[in-house]
């Protein structure tokens, strides 16, 4: 039984590794604070981030936004989930 569990784990690990290797991660510097996300997240809605991330095809893996980073995690959360979290 332990052997079967190990085989299933190794298979799942190999699938997860392949999936992670297929995804492209980008660094976004927002007002000096570094955020990391995937191109699919940035391009799921039309707008400035989608337009800027389309330039990543030119072998760029980072961008800089001269904005206050305080609320950017909420922007990323919305892009990832579709849920808008608003500060109180």
PDB file of N, CA and C in Angstrom:
ATOM      1  N   UNK A   1       0.821  -1.196   0.000  1.00  0.00           N
ATOM      2  CA  UNK A   1       0.000   0.000   0.000  1.00  0.00           C
ATOM      3  C   UNK A   1       0.871   1.270   0.000  1.00  0.00           C
ATOM      4  N   UNK A   2       1.931   1.223   0.777  1.00  0.00           N
ATOM      5  CA  UNK A   2       2.848   2.360   0.820  1.00  0.00           C
ATOM      6  C   UNK A   2       3.470   2.605  -0.552  1.00  0.00           C
ATOM      7  N   UNK A   3       3.759   1.534  -1.252  1.00  0.00           N
ATOM      8  CA  UNK A   3       4.333   1.653  -2.588  1.00  0.00           C
ATOM      9  C   UNK A   3       3.363   2.329  -3.551  1.00  0.00           C
ATOM     10  N   UNK A   4       2.081   1.994  -3.448  1.00  0.00           N
ATOM     11  CA  UNK A   4       1.066   2.625  -4.309  1.00  0.00           C
ATOM     12  C   UNK A   4       0.918   4.106  -3.986  1.00  0.00           C
ATOM     13  N   UNK A   5       0.949   4.445  -2.694  1.00  0.00           N
ATOM     14  CA  UNK A   5       0.856   5.855  -2.297  1.00  0.00           C
ATOM     15  C   UNK A   5       2.059   6.648  -2.807  1.00  0.00           C
ATOM     16  N   UNK A   6       3.232   6.039  -2.721  1.00  0.00           N
ATOM     17  CA  UNK A   6       4.445   6.707  -3.204  1.00  0.00           C
ATOM     18  C   UNK A   6       4.363   6.926  -4.715  1.00  0.00           C
ATOM     19  N   UNK A   7       3.890   5.927  -5.461  1.00  0.00           N
ATOM     20  CA  UNK A   7       3.760   6.049  -6.912  1.00  0.00           C
ATOM     21  C   UNK A   7       2.772   7.152  -7.274  1.00  0.00           C
ATOM     22  N   UNK A   8       1.643   7.201  -6.569  1.00  0.00           N
ATOM     23  CA  UNK A   8       0.641   8.236  -6.832  1.00  0.00           C
ATOM     24  C   UNK A   8       1.213   9.614  -6.517  1.00  0.00           C
ATOM     25  N   UNK A   9       1.952   9.726  -5.416  1.00  0.00           N
ATOM     26  CA  UNK A   9       2.571  10.998  -5.059  1.00  0.00           C
ATOM     27  C   UNK A   9       3.569  11.437  -6.114  1.00  0.00           C
ATOM     28  N   UNK A  10       4.418  10.520  -6.544  1.00  0.00           N
ATOM     29  CA  UNK A  10       5.437  10.854  -7.556  1.00  0.00           C
ATOM     30  C   UNK A  10       4.797  11.270  -8.873  1.00  0.00           C
ATOM     31  N   UNK A  11       3.716  10.610  -9.245  1.00  0.00           N
ATOM     32  CA  UNK A  11       3.013  10.979 -10.472  1.00  0.00           C
ATOM     33  C   UNK A  11       2.408  12.380 -10.337  1.00  0.00           C
ATOM     34  N   UNK A  12       1.759  12.660  -9.204  1.00  0.00           N
ATOM     35  CA  UNK A  12       1.186  13.986  -8.972  1.00  0.00           C
ATOM     36  C   UNK A  12       2.248  15.067  -8.934  1.00  0.00           C
ATOM     37  N   UNK A  13       3.380  14.765  -8.325  1.00  0.00           N
ATOM     38  CA  UNK A  13       4.479  15.725  -8.264  1.00  0.00           C
ATOM     39  C   UNK A  13       5.016  16.024  -9.656  1.00  0.00           C
ATOM     40  N   UNK A  14       5.149  15.007 -10.484  1.00  0.00           N
ATOM     41  CA  UNK A  14       5.633  15.210 -11.855  1.00  0.00           C
ATOM     42  C   UNK A  14       4.648  16.063 -12.657  1.00  0.00           C
ATOM     43  N   UNK A  15       3.350  15.822 -12.484  1.00  0.00           N
ATOM     44  CA  UNK A  15       2.337  16.626 -13.189  1.00  0.00           C
ATOM     45  C   UNK A  15       2.366  18.070 -12.722  1.00  0.00           C
ATOM     46  N   UNK A  16       2.489  18.288 -11.413  1.00  0.00           N
ATOM     47  CA  UNK A  16       2.541  19.653 -10.879  1.00  0.00           C
ATOM     48  C   UNK A  16       3.790  20.379 -11.343  1.00  0.00           C
ATOM     49  N   UNK A  17       4.910  19.681 -11.392  1.00  0.00           N
ATOM     50  CA  UNK A  17       6.164  20.281 -11.859  1.00  0.00           C
ATOM     51  C   UNK A  17       6.054  20.688 -13.323  1.00  0.00           C
ATOM     52  N   UNK A  18       5.472  19.831 -14.140  1.00  0.00           N
ATOM     53  CA  UNK A  18       5.299  20.146 -15.563  1.00  0.00           C
ATOM     54  C   UNK A  18       4.382  21.347 -15.745  1.00  0.00           C
ATOM     55  N   UNK A  19       3.320  21.415 -14.969  1.00  0.00           N
ATOM     56  CA  UNK A  19       2.394  22.544 -15.055  1.00  0.00           C
ATOM     57  C   UNK A  19       3.082  23.827 -14.634  1.00  0.00           C
ATOM     58  N   UNK A  20       3.830  23.802 -13.543  1.00  0.00           N
ATOM     59  CA  UNK A  20       4.542  24.992 -13.086  1.00  0.00           C
ATOM     60  C   UNK A  20       5.579  25.453 -14.092  1.00  0.00           C
ATOM     61  N   UNK A  21       6.261  24.515 -14.729  1.00  0.00           N
ATOM     62  CA  UNK A  21       7.272  24.878 -15.718  1.00  0.00           C
ATOM     63  C   UNK A  21       6.644  25.498 -16.965  1.00  0.00           C
ATOM     64  N   UNK A  22       5.389  25.170 -17.255  1.00  0.00           N
ATOM     65  CA  UNK A  22       4.717  25.707 -18.438  1.00  0.00           C
ATOM     66  C   UNK A  22       4.193  27.121 -18.205  1.00  0.00           C
ATOM     67  N   UNK A  23       4.063  27.524 -16.945  1.00  0.00           N
ATOM     68  CA  UNK A  23       3.532  28.842 -16.636  1.00  0.00           C
ATOM     69  C   UNK A  23       4.665  29.851 -16.540  1.00  0.00           C
ATOM     70  N   UNK A  24       4.442  31.024 -17.085  1.00  0.00           N
ATOM     71  CA  UNK A  24       5.458  32.068 -17.078  1.00  0.00           C
ATOM     72  C   UNK A  24       5.146  33.044 -15.951  1.00  0.00           C
ATOM     73  N   UNK A  25       6.107  33.215 -15.066  1.00  0.00           N
ATOM     74  CA  UNK A  25       5.940  34.136 -13.946  1.00  0.00           C
ATOM     75  C   UNK A  25       6.569  35.484 -14.301  1.00  0.00           C
ATOM     76  N   UNK A  26       5.918  36.539 -13.865  1.00  0.00           N
ATOM     77  CA  UNK A  26       6.414  37.890 -14.102  1.00  0.00           C
ATOM     78  C   UNK A  26       6.516  38.653 -12.804  1.00  0.00           C
ATOM     79  N   UNK A  27       7.475  39.518 -12.751  1.00  0.00           N
ATOM     80  CA  UNK A  27       7.664  40.388 -11.602  1.00  0.00           C
ATOM     81  C   UNK A  27       7.122  41.762 -11.950  1.00  0.00           C
ATOM     82  N   UNK A  28       6.315  42.296 -11.065  1.00  0.00           N
ATOM     83  CA  UNK A  28       5.780  43.642 -11.248  1.00  0.00           C
ATOM     84  C   UNK A  28       6.246  44.469 -10.052  1.00  0.00           C
ATOM     85  N   UNK A  29       6.992  45.498 -10.326  1.00  0.00           N
ATOM     86  CA  UNK A  29       7.461  46.412  -9.285  1.00  0.00           C
ATOM     87  C   UNK A  29       6.460  47.565  -9.230  1.00  0.00           C
ATOM     88  N   UNK A  30       5.721  47.634  -8.139  1.00  0.00           N
ATOM     89  CA  UNK A  30       4.729  48.691  -7.961  1.00  0.00           C
ATOM     90  C   UNK A  30       5.230  49.600  -6.847  1.00  0.00           C
ATOM     91  N   UNK A  31       5.690  50.783  -7.226  1.00  0.00           N
ATOM     92  CA  UNK A  31       6.185  51.746  -6.248  1.00  0.00           C
ATOM     93  C   UNK A  31       7.284  51.211  -5.366  1.00  0.00           C
ATOM     94  N   UNK A  32       8.123  50.311  -5.897  1.00  0.00           N
ATOM     95  CA  UNK A  32       9.233  49.771  -5.135  1.00  0.00           C
ATOM     96  C   UNK A  32       8.933  48.464  -4.422  1.00  0.00           C
ATOM     97  N   UNK A  33       7.706  47.976  -4.509  1.00  0.00           N
ATOM     98  CA  UNK A  33       7.332  46.699  -3.894  1.00  0.00           C
ATOM     99  C   UNK A  33       7.154  45.664  -5.003  1.00  0.00           C
ATOM    100  N   UNK A  34       7.784  44.505  -4.826  1.00  0.00           N
ATOM    101  CA  UNK A  34       7.779  43.479  -5.853  1.00  0.00           C
ATOM    102  C   UNK A  34       6.592  42.527  -5.689  1.00  0.00           C
ATOM    103  N   UNK A  35       5.879  42.279  -6.785  1.00  0.00           N
ATOM    104  CA  UNK A  35       4.784  41.311  -6.839  1.00  0.00           C
ATOM    105  C   UNK A  35       5.102  40.328  -7.957  1.00  0.00           C
ATOM    106  N   UNK A  36       4.644  39.088  -7.813  1.00  0.00           N
ATOM    107  CA  UNK A  36       4.852  38.063  -8.832  1.00  0.00           C
ATOM    108  C   UNK A  36       3.507  37.460  -9.212  1.00  0.00           C
ATOM    109  N   UNK A  37       3.304  37.250 -10.510  1.00  0.00           N
ATOM    110  CA  UNK A  37       2.073  36.633 -10.987  1.00  0.00           C
ATOM    111  C   UNK A  37       2.326  36.029 -12.360  1.00  0.00           C
ATOM    112  N   UNK A  38       1.296  35.447 -12.918  1.00  0.00           N
ATOM    113  CA  UNK A  38       1.398  34.798 -14.220  1.00  0.00           C
ATOM    114  C   UNK A  38       0.744  35.659 -15.293  1.00  0.00           C
ATOM    115  N   UNK A  39       1.161  35.460 -16.528  1.00  0.00           N
ATOM    116  CA  UNK A  39       0.621  36.242 -17.637  1.00  0.00           C
ATOM    117  C   UNK A  39      -0.886  36.067 -17.773  1.00  0.00           C
ATOM    118  N   UNK A  40      -1.395  34.854 -17.494  1.00  0.00           N
ATOM    119  CA  UNK A  40      -2.837  34.612 -17.598  1.00  0.00           C
ATOM    120  C   UNK A  40      -3.623  35.505 -16.656  1.00  0.00           C
ATOM    121  N   UNK A  41      -3.065  35.768 -15.476  1.00  0.00           N
ATOM    122  CA  UNK A  41      -3.734  36.633 -14.499  1.00  0.00           C
ATOM    123  C   UNK A  41      -3.803  38.057 -15.037  1.00  0.00           C
ATOM    124  N   UNK A  42      -2.695  38.538 -15.572  1.00  0.00           N
ATOM    125  CA  UNK A  42      -2.645  39.916 -16.049  1.00  0.00           C
ATOM    126  C   UNK A  42      -3.515  40.131 -17.281  1.00  0.00           C
ATOM    127  N   UNK A  43      -3.750  39.094 -18.056  1.00  0.00           N
ATOM    128  CA  UNK A  43      -4.480  39.253 -19.313  1.00  0.00           C
ATOM    129  C   UNK A  43      -5.923  38.768 -19.251  1.00  0.00           C
ATOM    130  N   UNK A  44      -6.445  38.483 -18.064  1.00  0.00           N
ATOM    131  CA  UNK A  44      -7.806  37.945 -18.006  1.00  0.00           C
ATOM    132  C   UNK A  44      -8.871  39.032 -18.197  1.00  0.00           C
ATOM    133  N   UNK A  45      -8.522  40.297 -18.043  1.00  0.00           N
ATOM    134  CA  UNK A  45      -9.442  41.411 -18.314  1.00  0.00           C
ATOM    135  C   UNK A  45      -8.709  42.423 -19.187  1.00  0.00           C
ATOM    136  N   UNK A  46      -9.439  43.085 -20.057  1.00  0.00           N
ATOM    137  CA  UNK A  46      -8.818  44.135 -20.863  1.00  0.00           C
ATOM    138  C   UNK A  46      -8.467  45.312 -19.970  1.00  0.00           C
ATOM    139  N   UNK A  47      -7.372  45.950 -20.273  1.00  0.00           N
ATOM    140  CA  UNK A  47      -6.966  47.114 -19.496  1.00  0.00           C
ATOM    141  C   UNK A  47      -5.477  47.329 -19.577  1.00  0.00           C
ATOM    142  N   UNK A  48      -4.987  48.218 -18.725  1.00  0.00           N
ATOM    143  CA  UNK A  48      -3.586  48.617 -18.748  1.00  0.00           C
ATOM    144  C   UNK A  48      -2.653  47.441 -18.482  1.00  0.00           C
ATOM    145  N   UNK A  49      -2.957  46.605 -17.475  1.00  0.00           N
ATOM    146  CA  UNK A  49      -2.077  45.488 -17.158  1.00  0.00           C
ATOM    147  C   UNK A  49      -2.035  44.470 -18.283  1.00  0.00           C
ATOM    148  N   UNK A  50      -3.172  44.224 -18.908  1.00  0.00           N
ATOM    149  CA  UNK A  50      -3.203  43.292 -20.043  1.00  0.00           C
ATOM    150  C   UNK A  50      -2.370  43.837 -21.196  1.00  0.00           C
ATOM    151  N   UNK A  51      -2.494  45.120 -21.457  1.00  0.00           N
ATOM    152  CA  UNK A  51      -1.722  45.732 -22.550  1.00  0.00           C
ATOM    153  C   UNK A  51      -0.227  45.696 -22.248  1.00  0.00           C
ATOM    154  N   UNK A  52       0.134  46.022 -21.020  1.00  0.00           N
ATOM    155  CA  UNK A  52       1.550  46.010 -20.659  1.00  0.00           C
ATOM    156  C   UNK A  52       2.113  44.596 -20.689  1.00  0.00           C
ATOM    157  N   UNK A  53       1.337  43.626 -20.254  1.00  0.00           N
ATOM    158  CA  UNK A  53       1.844  42.254 -20.214  1.00  0.00           C
ATOM    159  C   UNK A  53       1.958  41.643 -21.602  1.00  0.00           C
ATOM    160  N   UNK A  54       1.267  42.195 -22.568  1.00  0.00           N
ATOM    161  CA  UNK A  54       1.418  41.686 -23.933  1.00  0.00           C
ATOM    162  C   UNK A  54       2.819  41.972 -24.462  1.00  0.00           C
ATOM    163  N   UNK A  55       3.503  42.964 -23.889  1.00  0.00           N
ATOM    164  CA  UNK A  55       4.884  43.263 -24.268  1.00  0.00           C
ATOM    165  C   UNK A  55       5.863  42.242 -23.717  1.00  0.00           C
ATOM    166  N   UNK A  56       5.398  41.370 -22.804  1.00  0.00           N
ATOM    167  CA  UNK A  56       6.275  40.346 -22.251  1.00  0.00           C
ATOM    168  C   UNK A  56       6.737  39.373 -23.314  1.00  0.00           C
ATOM    169  N   UNK A  57       6.044  39.344 -24.431  1.00  0.00           N
ATOM    170  CA  UNK A  57       6.466  38.448 -25.506  1.00  0.00           C
ATOM    171  C   UNK A  57       7.829  38.854 -26.056  1.00  0.00           C
ATOM    172  N   UNK A  58       8.276  40.050 -25.720  1.00  0.00           N
ATOM    173  CA  UNK A  58       9.592  40.520 -26.167  1.00  0.00           C
ATOM    174  C   UNK A  58      10.682  40.115 -25.178  1.00  0.00           C
ATOM    175  N   UNK A  59      10.476  38.985 -24.485  1.00  0.00           N
ATOM    176  CA  UNK A  59      11.431  38.421 -23.529  1.00  0.00           C
ATOM    177  C   UNK A  59      11.640  39.296 -22.300  1.00  0.00           C
ATOM    178  N   UNK A  60      10.703  40.141 -21.985  1.00  0.00           N
ATOM    179  CA  UNK A  60      10.750  40.880 -20.729  1.00  0.00           C
ATOM    180  C   UNK A  60      10.018  40.052 -19.683  1.00  0.00           C
ATOM    181  N   UNK A  61      10.545  40.008 -18.477  1.00  0.00           N
ATOM    182  CA  UNK A  61       9.875  39.256 -17.429  1.00  0.00           C
ATOM    183  C   UNK A  61       9.548  40.131 -16.223  1.00  0.00           C
ATOM    184  N   UNK A  62       9.553  41.446 -16.420  1.00  0.00           N
ATOM    185  CA  UNK A  62       9.220  42.353 -15.327  1.00  0.00           C
ATOM    186  C   UNK A  62       8.662  43.662 -15.898  1.00  0.00           C
ATOM    187  N   UNK A  63       7.950  44.368 -15.037  1.00  0.00           N
ATOM    188  CA  UNK A  63       7.468  45.703 -15.407  1.00  0.00           C
ATOM    189  C   UNK A  63       7.483  46.576 -14.160  1.00  0.00           C
ATOM    190  N   UNK A  64       7.471  47.869 -14.356  1.00  0.00           N
ATOM    191  CA  UNK A  64       7.455  48.828 -13.262  1.00  0.00           C
ATOM    192  C   UNK A  64       6.223  49.709 -13.399  1.00  0.00           C
ATOM    193  N   UNK A  65       5.490  49.857 -12.297  1.00  0.00           N
ATOM    194  CA  UNK A  65       4.353  50.781 -12.243  1.00  0.00           C
ATOM    195  C   UNK A  65       4.664  51.825 -11.183  1.00  0.00           C
ATOM    196  N   UNK A  66       4.653  53.074 -11.568  1.00  0.00           N
ATOM    197  CA  UNK A  66       4.939  54.158 -10.633  1.00  0.00           C
ATOM    198  C   UNK A  66       3.639  54.534  -9.911  1.00  0.00           C
ATOM    199  N   UNK A  67       3.208  53.635  -9.035  1.00  0.00           N
ATOM    200  CA  UNK A  67       1.965  53.817  -8.286  1.00  0.00           C
ATOM    201  C   UNK A  67       2.176  53.395  -6.842  1.00  0.00           C
ATOM    202  N   UNK A  68       1.266  53.785  -5.972  1.00  0.00           N
ATOM    203  CA  UNK A  68       1.273  53.380  -4.575  1.00  0.00           C
ATOM    204  C   UNK A  68       0.955  51.883  -4.493  1.00  0.00           C
ATOM    205  N   UNK A  69       1.812  51.083  -3.862  1.00  0.00           N
ATOM    206  CA  UNK A  69       1.599  49.637  -3.828  1.00  0.00           C
ATOM    207  C   UNK A  69       0.563  49.171  -2.805  1.00  0.00           C
ATOM    208  N   UNK A  70       0.005  50.063  -2.018  1.00  0.00           N
ATOM    209  CA  UNK A  70      -0.882  49.680  -0.923  1.00  0.00           C
ATOM    210  C   UNK A  70      -2.038  48.806  -1.380  1.00  0.00           C
ATOM    211  N   UNK A  71      -2.678  49.168  -2.479  1.00  0.00           N
ATOM    212  CA  UNK A  71      -3.890  48.466  -2.899  1.00  0.00           C
ATOM    213  C   UNK A  71      -3.656  47.449  -4.011  1.00  0.00           C
ATOM    214  N   UNK A  72      -2.418  47.325  -4.480  1.00  0.00           N
ATOM    215  CA  UNK A  72      -2.173  46.411  -5.591  1.00  0.00           C
ATOM    216  C   UNK A  72      -2.490  44.953  -5.266  1.00  0.00           C
ATOM    217  N   UNK A  73      -2.282  44.481  -4.040  1.00  0.00           N
ATOM    218  CA  UNK A  73      -2.714  43.109  -3.736  1.00  0.00           C
ATOM    219  C   UNK A  73      -4.211  42.889  -3.975  1.00  0.00           C
ATOM    220  N   UNK A  74      -5.023  43.910  -3.764  1.00  0.00           N
ATOM    221  CA  UNK A  74      -6.462  43.791  -4.035  1.00  0.00           C
ATOM    222  C   UNK A  74      -6.725  43.684  -5.531  1.00  0.00           C
ATOM    223  N   UNK A  75      -5.933  44.383  -6.323  1.00  0.00           N
ATOM    224  CA  UNK A  75      -6.059  44.293  -7.781  1.00  0.00           C
ATOM    225  C   UNK A  75      -5.727  42.877  -8.240  1.00  0.00           C
ATOM    226  N   UNK A  76      -4.621  42.329  -7.742  1.00  0.00           N
ATOM    227  CA  UNK A  76      -4.248  40.966  -8.112  1.00  0.00           C
ATOM    228  C   UNK A  76      -5.287  39.954  -7.646  1.00  0.00           C
ATOM    229  N   UNK A  77      -5.829  40.161  -6.450  1.00  0.00           N
ATOM    230  CA  UNK A  77      -6.874  39.257  -5.957  1.00  0.00           C
ATOM    231  C   UNK A  77      -8.085  39.272  -6.894  1.00  0.00           C
ATOM    232  N   UNK A  78      -8.490  40.452  -7.327  1.00  0.00           N
ATOM    233  CA  UNK A  78      -9.616  40.551  -8.250  1.00  0.00           C
ATOM    234  C   UNK A  78      -9.322  39.843  -9.569  1.00  0.00           C
ATOM    235  N   UNK A  79      -8.125  40.053 -10.102  1.00  0.00           N
ATOM    236  CA  UNK A  79      -7.769  39.419 -11.369  1.00  0.00           C
ATOM    237  C   UNK A  79      -7.735  37.892 -11.243  1.00  0.00           C
ATOM    238  N   UNK A  80      -7.311  37.402 -10.088  1.00  0.00           N
ATOM    239  CA  UNK A  80      -7.217  35.955  -9.883  1.00  0.00           C
ATOM    240  C   UNK A  80      -8.564  35.295  -9.616  1.00  0.00           C
ATOM    241  N   UNK A  81      -9.452  35.992  -8.900  1.00  0.00           N
ATOM    242  CA  UNK A  81     -10.688  35.351  -8.427  1.00  0.00           C
ATOM    243  C   UNK A  81     -11.970  35.955  -8.996  1.00  0.00           C
ATOM    244  N   UNK A  82     -11.897  37.208  -9.441  1.00  0.00           N
ATOM    245  CA  UNK A  82     -13.118  37.893  -9.886  1.00  0.00           C
ATOM    246  C   UNK A  82     -13.876  38.528  -8.734  1.00  0.00           C
ATOM    247  N   UNK A  83     -13.376  38.367  -7.497  1.00  0.00           N
ATOM    248  CA  UNK A  83     -13.998  38.961  -6.318  1.00  0.00           C
ATOM    249  C   UNK A  83     -13.307  40.275  -5.981  1.00  0.00           C
ATOM    250  N   UNK A  84     -14.101  41.333  -5.883  1.00  0.00           N
ATOM    251  CA  UNK A  84     -13.546  42.635  -5.538  1.00  0.00           C
ATOM    252  C   UNK A  84     -13.603  42.817  -4.029  1.00  0.00           C
ATOM    253  N   UNK A  85     -12.439  42.833  -3.392  1.00  0.00           N
ATOM    254  CA  UNK A  85     -12.349  43.112  -1.961  1.00  0.00           C
ATOM    255  C   UNK A  85     -12.115  44.605  -1.800  1.00  0.00           C
ATOM    256  N   UNK A  86     -12.996  45.255  -1.077  1.00  0.00           N
ATOM    257  CA  UNK A  86     -12.876  46.693  -0.898  1.00  0.00           C
ATOM    258  C   UNK A  86     -12.444  47.005   0.525  1.00  0.00           C
ATOM    259  N   UNK A  87     -11.523  47.958   0.694  1.00  0.00           N
ATOM    260  CA  UNK A  87     -11.102  48.312   2.058  1.00  0.00           C
ATOM    261  C   UNK A  87     -12.236  48.981   2.802  1.00  0.00           C
ATOM    262  N   UNK A  88     -12.212  48.820   4.114  1.00  0.00           N
ATOM    263  CA  UNK A  88     -13.252  49.422   4.966  1.00  0.00           C
ATOM    264  C   UNK A  88     -13.003  50.902   5.135  1.00  0.00           C
TER     265      UNK A  88
END
